Amino acid sequence: MYLQCGNRKLDLTRPVVMGVVNVTPDSFSDGGKFIERNKAIDHANQLVAEGAAILDIGGESTRPGAAEVSVEEEIRRVIPVIEALTAAGVNAVISIDTSKPEVMREAAKAGAGLINDVRALAAPGSLEIAAESSCAVCLMHMQGDPRTMQSAPAYGDVVTEVKAFLQQRAENCRKAGIAADRIALDPGFGFGKTLAHNAALLRSLDTYQDTGYALLVGLSRKSMLQKILGRPVGERLYGSLALAVMAALKGAHIVRAHDVAATADALKTVAAIQRPGD
């Protein structure tokens, strides 16, 4: 399994880590720490040194209740960071975490190789811009909108509905000219889901193996861990690692994480036991 990200072929034979770079003042985990360009660049380089194969750079928080950001402001936040990392030849795939087609276009020009969209390319123009680029795409499921998604999420069968949605979005991408090796799916843990929904999705991750697409999960520091452990955001490392290991054992190819070094070690250990001697 591999993911074609622009001119990079990302080997997914073993699970890899996507490191989070929030160039925002209000992200739930580290809001404001890396809003300044040079701090974001330094943080990105540190994550690569810790083992990140992908850097997910975002300029708008998608936490519940977060304020919307204009196209111009989002571009101002993320493009200089992507340009600097590209110019420096950073040894990782650069991902742009956005739902805005204008930001996708500028990020691809600046050197991004992956478009990570919580709205699964639903915004007008997004699918066309992604198809015209050489970027890979990550299609995520979200019920509702980031501002209201956690108010009262409800499903008949969350596992069936989420998988069907993602397969349909992937089919739309294929029809638009995006090859299967450029597509990753993300069930969207915490995006319009209760703890019970998240748990059901995690238990059923292995059902995605028959889709033929790369599978990405984002479980790091999520509020489901607050419900399980009663711990604030900064004290959820061990819970996050437990979820990352479970996801890898269930077939996840990419694990999005804030704590890259610890997550990379955990995934390396899983891979060594699953595939001894490789």
Protein backbone atom coordinates (compact mmCIF):
# COMPACT_ATOMS: atom_id res chain seq x y z
CA MET A 1 0.00 0.00 0.00
CA TYR A 2 1.23 3.49 -0.82
CA LEU A 3 -0.21 6.97 -1.24
CA GLN A 4 0.88 9.12 -4.18
CA CYS A 5 1.35 12.64 -2.78
CA GLY A 6 2.46 14.89 -5.62
CA ASN A 7 5.93 13.71 -6.58
CA ARG A 8 6.32 11.67 -3.39
CA LYS A 9 5.24 8.06 -3.03
CA LEU A 10 4.45 7.53 0.64
CA ASP A 11 5.13 3.94 1.69
CA LEU A 12 2.29 2.66 3.89
CA THR A 13 3.54 -0.90 4.27
CA ARG A 14 3.90 0.00 7.93
CA PRO A 15 1.73 2.62 9.67
CA VAL A 16 3.13 6.16 9.66
CA VAL A 17 2.57 9.28 11.75
CA MET A 18 1.02 12.53 10.54
CA GLY A 19 2.27 15.31 12.79
CA VAL A 20 -0.05 18.22 13.61
CA VAL A 21 1.08 21.81 12.99
CA ASN A 22 -1.68 24.20 14.09
CA VAL A 23 -0.98 27.71 12.78
CA THR A 24 -4.00 28.97 14.72
CA PRO A 25 -4.74 30.92 17.90
CA ASP A 26 -7.59 28.68 19.04
CA SER A 27 -6.95 24.99 18.36
CA PHE A 28 -8.11 22.77 21.21
CA SER A 29 -4.71 21.17 21.88
CA ASP A 30 -2.09 23.89 21.43
CA GLY A 31 -3.92 27.04 20.35
CA GLY A 32 -1.56 29.95 19.79
CA LYS A 33 1.75 28.17 20.40
CA PHE A 34 2.70 28.10 16.72
CA ILE A 35 0.75 30.99 15.21
CA GLU A 36 4.02 32.81 14.47
CA ARG A 37 5.62 31.62 11.20
CA ASN A 38 9.08 30.76 12.48
CA LYS A 39 7.72 28.90 15.50
CA ALA A 40 5.47 26.85 13.21
CA ILE A 41 8.43 26.02 10.96
CA ASP A 42 10.61 25.03 13.91
CA HIS A 43 7.82 22.88 15.29
CA ALA A 44 7.34 21.17 11.92
CA ASN A 45 11.05 20.38 11.67
CA GLN A 46 11.00 19.01 15.21
CA LEU A 47 8.10 16.70 14.33
CA VAL A 48 10.00 15.35 11.32
CA ALA A 49 13.02 14.71 13.55
CA GLU A 50 10.71 12.80 15.89
CA GLY A 51 9.49 10.57 13.06
CA ALA A 52 6.59 12.29 11.29
CA ALA A 53 6.17 11.15 7.68
CA ILE A 54 3.49 13.80 7.04
CA LEU A 55 3.12 17.35 8.36
CA ASP A 56 -0.52 18.43 8.58
CA ILE A 57 -0.56 22.23 8.48
CA GLY A 58 -3.81 23.97 9.36
CA GLY A 59 -4.83 27.60 9.64
CA GLU A 60 -8.40 27.20 10.94
CA SER A 61 -9.48 25.32 14.04
CA THR A 62 -12.22 22.73 13.59
CA ARG A 63 -12.83 22.17 17.29
CA PRO A 64 -16.49 22.36 18.38
CA GLY A 65 -17.58 26.00 18.53
CA ALA A 66 -14.52 27.40 16.75
CA ALA A 67 -14.89 30.66 14.85
CA GLU A 68 -14.68 30.70 11.06
CA VAL A 69 -11.59 32.15 9.37
CA SER A 70 -11.58 34.07 6.11
CA VAL A 71 -9.87 32.69 3.02
CA GLU A 72 -7.35 35.54 3.09
CA GLU A 73 -6.45 35.00 6.74
CA GLU A 74 -6.09 31.24 6.33
CA ILE A 75 -3.78 31.72 3.34
CA ARG A 76 -1.76 34.29 5.29
CA ARG A 77 -1.24 31.82 8.10
CA VAL A 78 -0.33 28.64 6.23
CA ILE A 79 1.23 29.44 2.85
CA PRO A 80 4.47 31.03 4.17
CA VAL A 81 4.99 27.96 6.35
CA ILE A 82 4.46 25.55 3.44
CA GLU A 83 6.71 27.61 1.16
CA ALA A 84 9.53 27.66 3.72
CA LEU A 85 9.35 23.93 4.39
CA THR A 86 9.26 23.17 0.67
CA ALA A 87 12.22 25.45 -0.04
CA ALA A 88 14.19 23.75 2.75
CA GLY A 89 13.46 20.31 1.28
CA VAL A 90 11.77 18.98 4.40
CA ASN A 91 11.80 15.17 4.45
CA ALA A 92 8.05 14.69 4.83
CA VAL A 93 4.86 15.01 2.84
CA ILE A 94 3.30 18.42 3.46
CA SER A 95 -0.45 18.26 4.04
CA ILE A 96 -2.83 21.21 4.01
CA ASP A 97 -5.67 20.86 6.51
CA THR A 98 -8.44 22.94 4.90
CA SER A 99 -11.91 22.86 3.39
CA LYS A 100 -11.49 25.98 1.27
CA PRO A 101 -10.76 25.43 -2.44
CA GLU A 102 -8.78 28.68 -2.69
CA VAL A 103 -6.48 27.55 0.13
CA MET A 104 -6.10 24.13 -1.49
CA ARG A 105 -4.99 25.72 -4.75
CA GLU A 106 -2.42 28.00 -3.12
CA ALA A 107 -1.10 25.23 -0.89
CA ALA A 108 -0.61 22.89 -3.86
CA LYS A 109 1.31 25.65 -5.66
CA ALA A 110 3.45 26.17 -2.55
CA GLY A 111 4.43 22.50 -2.34
CA ALA A 112 1.73 20.60 -0.45
CA GLY A 113 1.33 16.98 -1.52
CA LEU A 114 -1.84 16.12 0.42
CA ILE A 115 -5.19 17.85 0.91
CA ASN A 116 -6.77 16.88 4.24
CA ASP A 117 -10.41 18.01 4.21
CA VAL A 118 -12.84 17.50 7.08
CA ARG A 119 -15.67 18.14 4.59
CA ALA A 120 -14.47 15.50 2.12
CA LEU A 121 -14.15 17.97 -0.79
CA ALA A 122 -17.81 18.98 -0.54
CA ALA A 123 -17.28 22.74 -0.89
CA PRO A 124 -17.99 24.01 -4.44
CA GLY A 125 -14.81 23.85 -6.49
CA SER A 126 -12.84 21.69 -4.04
CA LEU A 127 -13.12 18.45 -5.95
CA GLU A 128 -12.09 20.08 -9.22
CA ILE A 129 -9.07 21.81 -7.68
CA ALA A 130 -7.95 18.60 -5.99
CA ALA A 131 -8.29 16.67 -9.23
CA GLU A 132 -6.31 19.27 -11.19
CA SER A 133 -3.48 19.13 -8.67
CA SER A 134 -1.20 16.16 -8.16
CA CYS A 135 -2.04 16.05 -4.45
CA ALA A 136 -3.39 13.08 -2.61
CA VAL A 137 -6.67 13.71 -0.78
CA CYS A 138 -7.93 12.63 2.62
CA LEU A 139 -11.72 12.44 2.76
CA MET A 140 -13.14 12.72 6.26
CA HIS A 141 -16.64 12.08 7.53
CA MET A 142 -18.29 14.77 9.63
CA GLN A 143 -21.92 14.98 10.67
CA GLY A 144 -23.00 18.61 10.68
CA ASP A 145 -20.67 21.58 11.00
CA PRO A 146 -17.69 22.16 13.33
CA ARG A 147 -19.63 24.88 15.09
CA THR A 148 -22.55 22.60 16.04
CA MET A 149 -21.46 19.02 15.30
CA GLN A 150 -21.36 17.85 18.92
CA SER A 151 -24.75 19.23 19.94
CA ALA A 152 -26.77 16.04 19.29
CA PRO A 153 -25.10 13.59 16.86
CA ALA A 154 -27.35 10.69 15.89
CA TYR A 155 -27.13 7.71 13.52
CA GLY A 156 -29.12 4.63 12.68
CA ASP A 157 -25.95 2.58 12.22
CA VAL A 158 -22.84 4.75 12.57
CA VAL A 159 -20.45 2.13 11.16
CA THR A 160 -22.46 1.48 8.00
CA GLU A 161 -23.38 5.12 7.40
CA VAL A 162 -19.86 6.51 7.80
CA LYS A 163 -18.28 3.88 5.56
CA ALA A 164 -20.96 4.32 2.88
CA PHE A 165 -20.45 8.09 2.89
CA LEU A 166 -16.69 7.77 2.52
CA GLN A 167 -16.96 5.20 -0.26
CA GLN A 168 -19.35 7.47 -2.13
CA ARG A 169 -17.03 10.46 -1.79
CA ALA A 170 -14.13 8.30 -2.97
CA GLU A 171 -16.17 7.23 -5.99
CA ASN A 172 -16.88 10.88 -6.78
CA CYS A 173 -13.14 11.53 -6.64
CA ARG A 174 -12.44 8.62 -8.98
CA LYS A 175 -14.98 9.97 -11.48
CA ALA A 176 -13.27 13.37 -11.30
CA GLY A 177 -9.95 11.78 -12.23
CA ILE A 178 -8.32 11.21 -8.85
CA ALA A 179 -6.70 7.77 -8.88
CA ALA A 180 -7.22 5.30 -6.03
CA ASP A 181 -3.59 5.63 -4.96
CA ARG A 182 -4.23 9.32 -4.25
CA ILE A 183 -7.17 8.70 -1.88
CA ALA A 184 -7.24 8.18 1.88
CA LEU A 185 -10.35 7.78 4.05
CA ASP A 186 -10.87 9.10 7.59
CA PRO A 187 -13.93 8.10 9.70
CA GLY A 188 -13.73 11.44 11.51
CA PHE A 189 -13.46 10.50 15.18
CA GLY A 190 -15.04 13.23 17.30
CA PHE A 191 -16.61 15.05 14.37
CA GLY A 192 -20.32 14.71 15.06
CA LYS A 193 -19.94 11.54 17.13
CA THR A 194 -20.58 10.52 20.72
CA LEU A 195 -18.20 8.33 22.70
CA ALA A 196 -20.32 5.30 21.76
CA HIS A 197 -20.12 6.24 18.06
CA ASN A 198 -16.35 6.67 18.25
CA ALA A 199 -15.92 3.33 20.01
CA ALA A 200 -18.04 1.52 17.43
CA LEU A 201 -16.03 3.06 14.57
CA LEU A 202 -12.73 2.10 16.16
CA ARG A 203 -13.84 -1.48 16.74
CA SER A 204 -14.86 -1.75 13.07
CA LEU A 205 -11.81 -0.16 11.44
CA ASP A 206 -10.73 -3.48 9.95
CA THR A 207 -13.80 -3.41 7.69
CA TYR A 208 -12.06 -0.68 5.66
CA GLN A 209 -9.43 -3.13 4.44
CA ASP A 210 -11.71 -4.19 1.59
CA THR A 211 -12.00 -0.64 0.19
CA GLY A 212 -8.52 -0.59 -1.33
CA TYR A 213 -7.90 2.93 0.01
CA ALA A 214 -5.43 4.15 2.59
CA LEU A 215 -6.98 4.63 6.03
CA LEU A 216 -6.19 7.64 8.22
CA VAL A 217 -7.33 8.12 11.81
CA GLY A 218 -7.17 11.13 14.12
CA LEU A 219 -7.60 10.13 17.76
CA SER A 220 -4.88 12.16 19.46
CA ARG A 221 -6.00 14.05 22.59
CA LYS A 222 -9.65 13.86 21.50
CA SER A 223 -12.48 14.68 23.92
CA MET A 224 -13.46 11.01 24.00
CA LEU A 225 -10.40 10.56 26.22
CA GLN A 226 -11.70 13.21 28.60
CA LYS A 227 -14.89 11.19 28.90
CA ILE A 228 -12.95 7.96 29.47
CA LEU A 229 -10.11 9.25 31.65
CA GLY A 230 -11.39 12.56 33.02
CA ARG A 231 -8.11 14.21 32.04
CA PRO A 232 -7.53 17.63 30.41
CA VAL A 233 -6.03 17.95 26.93
CA GLY A 234 -2.41 18.08 28.09
CA GLU A 235 -2.71 14.83 30.06
CA ARG A 236 -4.06 12.48 27.40
CA LEU A 237 -0.82 11.05 26.00
CA TYR A 238 -1.23 7.52 27.33
CA GLY A 239 -4.84 7.29 26.25
CA SER A 240 -3.91 8.65 22.82
CA LEU A 241 -1.20 5.99 22.46
CA ALA A 242 -3.62 3.24 23.42
CA LEU A 243 -6.04 4.39 20.71
CA ALA A 244 -3.21 4.70 18.16
CA VAL A 245 -2.08 1.13 18.82
CA MET A 246 -5.65 -0.16 18.56
CA ALA A 247 -6.09 1.68 15.26
CA ALA A 248 -2.84 0.28 13.86
CA LEU A 249 -3.82 -3.25 14.85
CA LYS A 250 -7.14 -2.70 13.07
CA GLY A 251 -5.41 -1.67 9.84
CA ALA A 252 -4.90 2.11 10.01
CA HIS A 253 -2.13 3.25 7.67
CA ILE A 254 -1.76 6.83 8.91
CA VAL A 255 -2.18 8.03 12.51
CA ARG A 256 -2.56 11.78 13.01
CA ALA A 257 -0.88 12.78 16.26
CA HIS A 258 0.29 15.72 18.35
CA ASP A 259 2.84 13.65 20.30
CA VAL A 260 4.86 12.37 17.36
CA ALA A 261 7.89 10.76 19.03
CA ALA A 262 5.82 8.63 21.39
CA THR A 263 3.31 7.69 18.67
CA ALA A 264 6.08 6.78 16.21
CA ASP A 265 7.65 4.48 18.79
CA ALA A 266 4.31 2.84 19.52
CA LEU A 267 3.58 2.23 15.83
CA LYS A 268 7.11 0.96 15.18
CA THR A 269 6.64 -1.55 17.99
CA VAL A 270 3.30 -2.72 16.59
CA ALA A 271 4.81 -3.16 13.12
CA ALA A 272 7.79 -5.10 14.46
CA ILE A 273 5.54 -7.59 16.22
CA GLN A 274 3.13 -7.91 13.31
CA ARG A 275 5.88 -8.26 10.69
CA PRO A 276 8.96 -9.70 12.42
CA GLY A 277 12.15 -9.67 10.36
CA ASP A 278 11.01 -7.04 7.82
